[in-house]
Amino acid sequence: MPADPEVPSVTSSAPRLLASERQSVMKIGIIGAGNIGGNLTRRLTALGHDVSVANSRGPHTLTALAEETGAKPVTVREAARDAQVVVVTIPLKAVPDLPAGFLDGAAENVAVIDTGNYYPQQRDGRIAEIEDGLTESRWTERQIGHPVIKAFNGTYAQDILDKPLPQGAAGRVALPVSGDDEAAKKIVRDLIDELGFDTVDNGGQDDSWRQQPGTPVYGNAGGADEIQKALDAASRERTAEWRA
């Protein structure tokens, strides 16, 4: 499971960018400090962004990550305050438990990234709407009342630390990105580029099934051409492993 939030992370050896190489500093809130969330916190703070990080257990449990990275540990209700980007990277079954209105204090036109995956047998139990064909990120949108951009869901967390490369470099990994809000999608794709990865536009949220668990792109660390071919080869039918 590439985005399993329960697997611990390790410190990155990726170099910090020089000030002249950075994009404009953004305020970013990360909800979930496990595998993906922790490593995004490491990389985004290294790039100079203003990062707040939250988890379900409270800011006092994030002291070590905050000391390591300089991120601000906050409550889930505080994570999105004034944020231009919010990353929701928690188990799918926990999404309905997010506080009502947790995005209310975010910046206008905030881009919300959903890294989640549906693991019915392994973790989440049965979610009827997804079993009936609703895409995972569309389900998440309905729970939180805000459009999302699906990204990082099929990415091994260690790759976030180990595989960034400059634009145009041979072997640069590409990540699929889905979402209906084109402006938000551009923000997310630009941020992923800054993190050191190419992106492939996988269309709107109704097409995001092409990057769900069990598809050829899930866990695929190929370049843009390989990722596009994997998306094109996807089947909408869930295999038994990924059904309740």
C-alpha atoms as a PDB file:
ATOM      1  CA  MET A   1       0.000   0.000   0.000  1.00  0.00           C
ATOM      2  CA  PRO A   2       2.045   2.993  -1.129  1.00  0.00           C
ATOM      3  CA  ALA A   3       0.137   5.575   0.912  1.00  0.00           C
ATOM      4  CA  ASP A   4      -0.366   3.534   4.088  1.00  0.00           C
ATOM      5  CA  PRO A   5      -0.153   6.245   6.787  1.00  0.00           C
ATOM      6  CA  GLU A   6       0.872   3.830   9.528  1.00  0.00           C
ATOM      7  CA  VAL A   7       4.350   3.050   8.175  1.00  0.00           C
ATOM      8  CA  PRO A   8       7.073   5.175   9.838  1.00  0.00           C
ATOM      9  CA  SER A   9       9.207   7.536   7.813  1.00  0.00           C
ATOM     10  CA  VAL A  10      12.888   8.360   7.850  1.00  0.00           C
ATOM     11  CA  THR A  11      14.733  11.620   7.548  1.00  0.00           C
ATOM     12  CA  SER A  12      15.414  12.923   4.059  1.00  0.00           C
ATOM     13  CA  SER A  13      18.831  13.499   2.601  1.00  0.00           C
ATOM     14  CA  ALA A  14      17.317  15.576  -0.218  1.00  0.00           C
ATOM     15  CA  PRO A  15      19.088  18.935  -0.534  1.00  0.00           C
ATOM     16  CA  ARG A  16      17.377  22.176   0.409  1.00  0.00           C
ATOM     17  CA  LEU A  17      16.853  24.520  -2.498  1.00  0.00           C
ATOM     18  CA  LEU A  18      18.660  27.809  -2.701  1.00  0.00           C
ATOM     19  CA  ALA A  19      16.429  30.841  -2.196  1.00  0.00           C
ATOM     20  CA  SER A  20      16.760  31.691  -5.894  1.00  0.00           C
ATOM     21  CA  GLU A  21      15.432  28.233  -6.841  1.00  0.00           C
ATOM     22  CA  ARG A  22      12.303  28.338  -4.690  1.00  0.00           C
ATOM     23  CA  GLN A  23       8.803  29.131  -5.833  1.00  0.00           C
ATOM     24  CA  SER A  24       6.843  31.696  -3.815  1.00  0.00           C
ATOM     25  CA  VAL A  25       6.357  30.672  -0.206  1.00  0.00           C
ATOM     26  CA  MET A  26       2.918  29.211   0.480  1.00  0.00           C
ATOM     27  CA  LYS A  27       1.056  28.510   3.665  1.00  0.00           C
ATOM     28  CA  ILE A  28       0.304  24.787   3.675  1.00  0.00           C
ATOM     29  CA  GLY A  29      -1.731  22.750   6.148  1.00  0.00           C
ATOM     30  CA  ILE A  30      -1.175  19.001   6.420  1.00  0.00           C
ATOM     31  CA  ILE A  31      -3.799  16.872   8.160  1.00  0.00           C
ATOM     32  CA  GLY A  32      -2.227  13.527   8.936  1.00  0.00           C
ATOM     33  CA  ALA A  33       1.367  13.052  10.071  1.00  0.00           C
ATOM     34  CA  GLY A  34       1.985   9.433   9.168  1.00  0.00           C
ATOM     35  CA  ASN A  35       3.861   8.075   6.191  1.00  0.00           C
ATOM     36  CA  ILE A  36       2.864  10.481   3.412  1.00  0.00           C
ATOM     37  CA  GLY A  37       2.030  13.437   5.663  1.00  0.00           C
ATOM     38  CA  GLY A  38       5.275  13.244   7.582  1.00  0.00           C
ATOM     39  CA  ASN A  39       7.436  13.108   4.479  1.00  0.00           C
ATOM     40  CA  LEU A  40       5.534  15.910   2.768  1.00  0.00           C
ATOM     41  CA  THR A  41       6.100  17.957   5.921  1.00  0.00           C
ATOM     42  CA  ARG A  42       9.827  17.243   5.654  1.00  0.00           C
ATOM     43  CA  ARG A  43      10.096  18.165   1.989  1.00  0.00           C
ATOM     44  CA  LEU A  44       7.794  21.191   2.005  1.00  0.00           C
ATOM     45  CA  THR A  45       9.503  22.790   4.983  1.00  0.00           C
ATOM     46  CA  ALA A  46      12.876  22.109   3.325  1.00  0.00           C
ATOM     47  CA  LEU A  47      11.587  24.062   0.322  1.00  0.00           C
ATOM     48  CA  GLY A  48      10.832  27.004   2.592  1.00  0.00           C
ATOM     49  CA  HIS A  49       7.059  26.779   2.793  1.00  0.00           C
ATOM     50  CA  ASP A  50       5.118  27.734   5.923  1.00  0.00           C
ATOM     51  CA  VAL A  51       3.761  24.355   7.043  1.00  0.00           C
ATOM     52  CA  SER A  52       1.292  23.538   9.808  1.00  0.00           C
ATOM     53  CA  VAL A  53       0.748  19.865  10.610  1.00  0.00           C
ATOM     54  CA  ALA A  54      -2.005  18.128  12.557  1.00  0.00           C
ATOM     55  CA  ASN A  55      -3.100  14.642  13.489  1.00  0.00           C
ATOM     56  CA  SER A  56      -5.969  13.059  15.393  1.00  0.00           C
ATOM     57  CA  ARG A  57      -3.940  12.693  18.583  1.00  0.00           C
ATOM     58  CA  GLY A  58      -3.125  16.354  19.086  1.00  0.00           C
ATOM     59  CA  PRO A  59      -0.184  18.767  18.670  1.00  0.00           C
ATOM     60  CA  HIS A  60       1.672  17.395  21.693  1.00  0.00           C
ATOM     61  CA  THR A  61       2.333  14.178  19.751  1.00  0.00           C
ATOM     62  CA  LEU A  62       4.027  16.086  16.918  1.00  0.00           C
ATOM     63  CA  THR A  63       6.858  17.633  18.919  1.00  0.00           C
ATOM     64  CA  ALA A  64       9.595  15.529  17.325  1.00  0.00           C
ATOM     65  CA  LEU A  65       8.409  16.205  13.768  1.00  0.00           C
ATOM     66  CA  ALA A  66       8.096  19.916  14.534  1.00  0.00           C
ATOM     67  CA  GLU A  67      11.601  20.072  15.982  1.00  0.00           C
ATOM     68  CA  GLU A  68      13.011  18.186  13.007  1.00  0.00           C
ATOM     69  CA  THR A  69      11.318  20.263  10.326  1.00  0.00           C
ATOM     70  CA  GLY A  70      10.271  23.610  11.758  1.00  0.00           C
ATOM     71  CA  ALA A  71       6.619  22.903  10.950  1.00  0.00           C
ATOM     72  CA  LYS A  72       4.028  24.219  13.384  1.00  0.00           C
ATOM     73  CA  PRO A  73       2.085  21.513  15.249  1.00  0.00           C
ATOM     74  CA  VAL A  74      -1.611  22.424  15.446  1.00  0.00           C
ATOM     75  CA  THR A  75      -5.044  20.906  15.936  1.00  0.00           C
ATOM     76  CA  VAL A  76      -7.006  19.632  12.962  1.00  0.00           C
ATOM     77  CA  ARG A  77      -9.332  22.634  13.286  1.00  0.00           C
ATOM     78  CA  GLU A  78      -6.335  24.977  13.018  1.00  0.00           C
ATOM     79  CA  ALA A  79      -4.465  23.236  10.202  1.00  0.00           C
ATOM     80  CA  ALA A  80      -6.275  24.939   7.328  1.00  0.00           C
ATOM     81  CA  ARG A  81      -6.270  28.455   8.789  1.00  0.00           C
ATOM     82  CA  ASP A  82      -5.175  30.854   6.008  1.00  0.00           C
ATOM     83  CA  ALA A  83      -3.727  27.897   4.074  1.00  0.00           C
ATOM     84  CA  GLN A  84      -3.412  28.091   0.300  1.00  0.00           C
ATOM     85  CA  VAL A  85      -2.959  24.317   0.113  1.00  0.00           C
ATOM     86  CA  VAL A  86      -4.406  21.721   2.504  1.00  0.00           C
ATOM     87  CA  VAL A  87      -3.288  18.091   2.317  1.00  0.00           C
ATOM     88  CA  VAL A  88      -5.726  15.521   3.711  1.00  0.00           C
ATOM     89  CA  THR A  89      -3.694  12.368   4.260  1.00  0.00           C
ATOM     90  CA  ILE A  90      -5.589  10.184   6.712  1.00  0.00           C
ATOM     91  CA  PRO A  91      -7.258   6.762   6.498  1.00  0.00           C
ATOM     92  CA  LEU A  92     -10.396   6.952   4.383  1.00  0.00           C
ATOM     93  CA  LYS A  93     -12.540   5.649   7.219  1.00  0.00           C
ATOM     94  CA  ALA A  94     -11.478   8.684   9.301  1.00  0.00           C
ATOM     95  CA  VAL A  95     -12.532  11.303   6.743  1.00  0.00           C
ATOM     96  CA  PRO A  96     -16.146  11.573   8.032  1.00  0.00           C
ATOM     97  CA  ASP A  97     -14.726  12.317  11.500  1.00  0.00           C
ATOM     98  CA  LEU A  98     -12.946  15.486  10.375  1.00  0.00           C
ATOM     99  CA  PRO A  99     -14.401  18.515  12.204  1.00  0.00           C
ATOM    100  CA  ALA A 100     -17.290  20.207  10.426  1.00  0.00           C
ATOM    101  CA  GLY A 101     -16.113  23.396   8.743  1.00  0.00           C
ATOM    102  CA  PHE A 102     -12.413  22.602   9.165  1.00  0.00           C
ATOM    103  CA  LEU A 103     -11.740  24.361   5.840  1.00  0.00           C
ATOM    104  CA  ASP A 104     -13.721  27.502   6.705  1.00  0.00           C
ATOM    105  CA  GLY A 105     -10.629  29.494   7.695  1.00  0.00           C
ATOM    106  CA  ALA A 106      -8.586  28.542   4.642  1.00  0.00           C
ATOM    107  CA  ALA A 107      -7.499  31.033   2.019  1.00  0.00           C
ATOM    108  CA  GLU A 108      -9.919  31.805  -0.778  1.00  0.00           C
ATOM    109  CA  ASN A 109      -9.653  29.208  -3.561  1.00  0.00           C
ATOM    110  CA  VAL A 110      -7.661  26.838  -1.358  1.00  0.00           C
ATOM    111  CA  ALA A 111      -6.387  23.730  -3.165  1.00  0.00           C
ATOM    112  CA  VAL A 112      -7.208  20.584  -1.180  1.00  0.00           C
ATOM    113  CA  ILE A 113      -5.075  17.522  -1.927  1.00  0.00           C
ATOM    114  CA  ASP A 114      -6.535  14.091  -1.169  1.00  0.00           C
ATOM    115  CA  THR A 115      -3.924  11.333  -0.865  1.00  0.00           C
ATOM    116  CA  GLY A 116      -6.408   8.722   0.347  1.00  0.00           C
ATOM    117  CA  ASN A 117      -7.086   5.171  -0.774  1.00  0.00           C
ATOM    118  CA  TYR A 118      -9.918   2.768  -0.040  1.00  0.00           C
ATOM    119  CA  TYR A 119      -8.612  -0.367   1.676  1.00  0.00           C
ATOM    120  CA  PRO A 120     -11.827  -2.216   2.560  1.00  0.00           C
ATOM    121  CA  GLN A 121     -10.301  -5.521   3.659  1.00  0.00           C
ATOM    122  CA  GLN A 122      -7.096  -4.125   5.066  1.00  0.00           C
ATOM    123  CA  ARG A 123      -8.317  -1.100   7.052  1.00  0.00           C
ATOM    124  CA  ASP A 124     -11.453   0.854   6.138  1.00  0.00           C
ATOM    125  CA  GLY A 125     -14.302  -1.631   6.134  1.00  0.00           C
ATOM    126  CA  ARG A 126     -17.094  -1.450   3.602  1.00  0.00           C
ATOM    127  CA  ILE A 127     -18.082   1.939   2.175  1.00  0.00           C
ATOM    128  CA  ALA A 128     -21.221   1.321   0.168  1.00  0.00           C
ATOM    129  CA  GLU A 129     -20.986   4.278  -2.210  1.00  0.00           C
ATOM    130  CA  ILE A 130     -17.472   3.330  -3.290  1.00  0.00           C
ATOM    131  CA  GLU A 131     -18.435  -0.321  -3.655  1.00  0.00           C
ATOM    132  CA  ASP A 132     -21.268   0.877  -5.910  1.00  0.00           C
ATOM    133  CA  GLY A 133     -18.833   2.698  -8.204  1.00  0.00           C
ATOM    134  CA  LEU A 134     -18.264   6.177  -6.773  1.00  0.00           C
ATOM    135  CA  THR A 135     -14.607   7.139  -7.058  1.00  0.00           C
ATOM    136  CA  GLU A 136     -12.753   7.348  -3.777  1.00  0.00           C
ATOM    137  CA  SER A 137     -11.926  11.042  -4.063  1.00  0.00           C
ATOM    138  CA  ARG A 138     -15.469  11.925  -5.124  1.00  0.00           C
ATOM    139  CA  TRP A 139     -16.622  10.231  -1.930  1.00  0.00           C
ATOM    140  CA  THR A 140     -14.096  12.283   0.042  1.00  0.00           C
ATOM    141  CA  GLU A 141     -15.362  15.480  -1.600  1.00  0.00           C
ATOM    142  CA  ARG A 142     -18.873  14.672  -0.423  1.00  0.00           C
ATOM    143  CA  GLN A 143     -17.689  14.071   3.124  1.00  0.00           C
ATOM    144  CA  ILE A 144     -15.776  17.343   3.471  1.00  0.00           C
ATOM    145  CA  GLY A 145     -17.961  19.522   1.237  1.00  0.00           C
ATOM    146  CA  HIS A 146     -15.108  20.780  -0.923  1.00  0.00           C
ATOM    147  CA  PRO A 147     -13.501  19.768  -4.252  1.00  0.00           C
ATOM    148  CA  VAL A 148     -10.223  17.883  -3.959  1.00  0.00           C
ATOM    149  CA  ILE A 149      -7.233  17.126  -6.146  1.00  0.00           C
ATOM    150  CA  LYS A 150      -6.233  13.460  -5.975  1.00  0.00           C
ATOM    151  CA  ALA A 151      -2.450  13.095  -5.807  1.00  0.00           C
ATOM    152  CA  PHE A 152       0.251  11.105  -4.005  1.00  0.00           C
ATOM    153  CA  ASN A 153      -2.182   8.228  -3.370  1.00  0.00           C
ATOM    154  CA  GLY A 154      -0.125   5.687  -5.320  1.00  0.00           C
ATOM    155  CA  THR A 155       3.256   7.056  -4.296  1.00  0.00           C
ATOM    156  CA  TYR A 156       5.608   5.217  -1.966  1.00  0.00           C
ATOM    157  CA  ALA A 157       6.286   7.667   0.840  1.00  0.00           C
ATOM    158  CA  GLN A 158      10.016   7.028   0.768  1.00  0.00           C
ATOM    159  CA  ASP A 159      10.064   8.153  -2.867  1.00  0.00           C
ATOM    160  CA  ILE A 160       9.005  11.636  -1.716  1.00  0.00           C
ATOM    161  CA  LEU A 161      12.344  11.824   0.083  1.00  0.00           C
ATOM    162  CA  ASP A 162      14.579   9.798  -2.198  1.00  0.00           C
ATOM    163  CA  LYS A 163      13.499  10.415  -5.797  1.00  0.00           C
ATOM    164  CA  PRO A 164      13.153  14.166  -6.407  1.00  0.00           C
ATOM    165  CA  LEU A 165      15.027  15.314  -9.521  1.00  0.00           C
ATOM    166  CA  PRO A 166      15.293  18.651 -11.349  1.00  0.00           C
ATOM    167  CA  GLN A 167      13.066  19.436 -14.304  1.00  0.00           C
ATOM    168  CA  GLY A 168      14.226  17.614 -17.421  1.00  0.00           C
ATOM    169  CA  ALA A 169      16.431  15.151 -15.567  1.00  0.00           C
ATOM    170  CA  ALA A 170      16.574  11.603 -16.908  1.00  0.00           C
ATOM    171  CA  GLY A 171      14.575   9.201 -14.766  1.00  0.00           C
ATOM    172  CA  ARG A 172      12.359  11.851 -13.197  1.00  0.00           C
ATOM    173  CA  VAL A 173       9.317  10.173 -11.629  1.00  0.00           C
ATOM    174  CA  ALA A 174       5.843  11.351 -12.667  1.00  0.00           C
ATOM    175  CA  LEU A 175       2.716  11.374 -10.506  1.00  0.00           C
ATOM    176  CA  PRO A 176      -0.874  11.222 -11.785  1.00  0.00           C
ATOM    177  CA  VAL A 177      -3.156  14.048 -10.683  1.00  0.00           C
ATOM    178  CA  SER A 178      -6.973  14.155 -10.929  1.00  0.00           C
ATOM    179  CA  GLY A 179      -9.473  16.902 -10.181  1.00  0.00           C
ATOM    180  CA  ASP A 180     -12.234  19.079 -11.576  1.00  0.00           C
ATOM    181  CA  ASP A 181     -10.914  22.469 -10.423  1.00  0.00           C
ATOM    182  CA  GLU A 182      -8.333  23.387 -13.035  1.00  0.00           C
ATOM    183  CA  ALA A 183      -6.936  26.328 -11.060  1.00  0.00           C
ATOM    184  CA  ALA A 184      -6.433  24.148  -7.976  1.00  0.00           C
ATOM    185  CA  LYS A 185      -4.959  21.392 -10.120  1.00  0.00           C
ATOM    186  CA  LYS A 186      -2.384  23.813 -11.515  1.00  0.00           C
ATOM    187  CA  ILE A 187      -1.377  24.847  -7.992  1.00  0.00           C
ATOM    188  CA  VAL A 188      -0.917  21.204  -7.050  1.00  0.00           C
ATOM    189  CA  ARG A 189       0.974  20.283 -10.215  1.00  0.00           C
ATOM    190  CA  ASP A 190       3.301  23.250  -9.764  1.00  0.00           C
ATOM    191  CA  LEU A 191       3.916  22.228  -6.151  1.00  0.00           C
ATOM    192  CA  ILE A 192       4.682  18.646  -7.187  1.00  0.00           C
ATOM    193  CA  ASP A 193       7.088  19.979  -9.812  1.00  0.00           C
ATOM    194  CA  GLU A 194       8.790  22.017  -7.086  1.00  0.00           C
ATOM    195  CA  LEU A 195       9.049  18.856  -4.998  1.00  0.00           C
ATOM    196  CA  GLY A 196      11.008  17.274  -7.852  1.00  0.00           C
ATOM    197  CA  PHE A 197       8.470  15.227  -9.809  1.00  0.00           C
ATOM    198  CA  ASP A 198       6.675  15.467 -13.144  1.00  0.00           C
ATOM    199  CA  THR A 199       2.897  15.149 -13.296  1.00  0.00           C
ATOM    200  CA  VAL A 200       0.384  13.588 -15.668  1.00  0.00           C
ATOM    201  CA  ASP A 201      -3.109  15.082 -15.826  1.00  0.00           C
ATOM    202  CA  ASN A 202      -5.574  12.236 -15.271  1.00  0.00           C
ATOM    203  CA  GLY A 203      -8.624  14.372 -15.970  1.00  0.00           C
ATOM    204  CA  GLY A 204     -11.496  15.084 -13.622  1.00  0.00           C
ATOM    205  CA  GLN A 205     -12.579  13.335 -10.460  1.00  0.00           C
ATOM    206  CA  ASP A 206     -14.847  10.958 -12.354  1.00  0.00           C
ATOM    207  CA  ASP A 207     -11.698   9.613 -14.047  1.00  0.00           C
ATOM    208  CA  SER A 208      -9.709   9.280 -10.830  1.00  0.00           C
ATOM    209  CA  TRP A 209     -10.529   5.551 -10.634  1.00  0.00           C
ATOM    210  CA  ARG A 210      -7.605   5.137 -13.046  1.00  0.00           C
ATOM    211  CA  GLN A 211      -5.195   5.835 -10.176  1.00  0.00           C
ATOM    212  CA  GLN A 212      -6.936   3.889  -7.397  1.00  0.00           C
ATOM    213  CA  PRO A 213      -5.415   0.785  -5.738  1.00  0.00           C
ATOM    214  CA  GLY A 214      -5.155  -2.209  -8.044  1.00  0.00           C
ATOM    215  CA  THR A 215      -4.636  -0.176 -11.225  1.00  0.00           C
ATOM    216  CA  PRO A 216      -1.398  -0.264 -13.257  1.00  0.00           C
ATOM    217  CA  VAL A 217      -0.365   3.213 -12.092  1.00  0.00           C
ATOM    218  CA  TYR A 218      -0.682   2.414  -8.383  1.00  0.00           C
ATOM    219  CA  GLY A 219       2.832   2.226  -6.959  1.00  0.00           C
ATOM    220  CA  ASN A 220       4.326   2.904 -10.390  1.00  0.00           C
ATOM    221  CA  ALA A 221       7.477   5.067 -10.220  1.00  0.00           C
ATOM    222  CA  GLY A 222       7.839   5.551 -13.954  1.00  0.00           C
ATOM    223  CA  GLY A 223       8.257   8.670 -16.018  1.00  0.00           C
ATOM    224  CA  ALA A 224       5.468  10.632 -17.667  1.00  0.00           C
ATOM    225  CA  ASP A 225       5.135   8.357 -20.719  1.00  0.00           C
ATOM    226  CA  GLU A 226       4.992   5.216 -18.598  1.00  0.00           C
ATOM    227  CA  ILE A 227       2.464   6.757 -16.226  1.00  0.00           C
ATOM    228  CA  GLN A 228       0.225   7.817 -19.110  1.00  0.00           C
ATOM    229  CA  LYS A 229       0.336   4.294 -20.562  1.00  0.00           C
ATOM    230  CA  ALA A 230      -0.544   2.865 -17.150  1.00  0.00           C
ATOM    231  CA  LEU A 231      -3.516   5.196 -16.808  1.00  0.00           C
ATOM    232  CA  ASP A 232      -4.707   4.249 -20.300  1.00  0.00           C
ATOM    233  CA  ALA A 233      -4.466   0.544 -19.416  1.00  0.00           C
ATOM    234  CA  ALA A 234      -6.599   0.794 -16.263  1.00  0.00           C
ATOM    235  CA  SER A 235      -9.815  -1.172 -15.845  1.00  0.00           C
ATOM    236  CA  ARG A 236     -12.685   0.314 -13.868  1.00  0.00           C
ATOM    237  CA  GLU A 237     -13.644  -3.057 -12.400  1.00  0.00           C
ATOM    238  CA  ARG A 238     -12.208  -3.557  -8.942  1.00  0.00           C
ATOM    239  CA  THR A 239     -10.377  -6.793  -8.366  1.00  0.00           C
ATOM    240  CA  ALA A 240     -11.361  -8.974  -5.416  1.00  0.00           C
ATOM    241  CA  GLU A 241      -8.423  -7.727  -3.320  1.00  0.00           C
ATOM    242  CA  TRP A 242      -9.791  -4.195  -3.377  1.00  0.00           C
ATOM    243  CA  ARG A 243     -13.469  -4.970  -2.699  1.00  0.00           C
ATOM    244  CA  ALA A 244     -15.122  -5.475   0.661  1.00  0.00           C
END
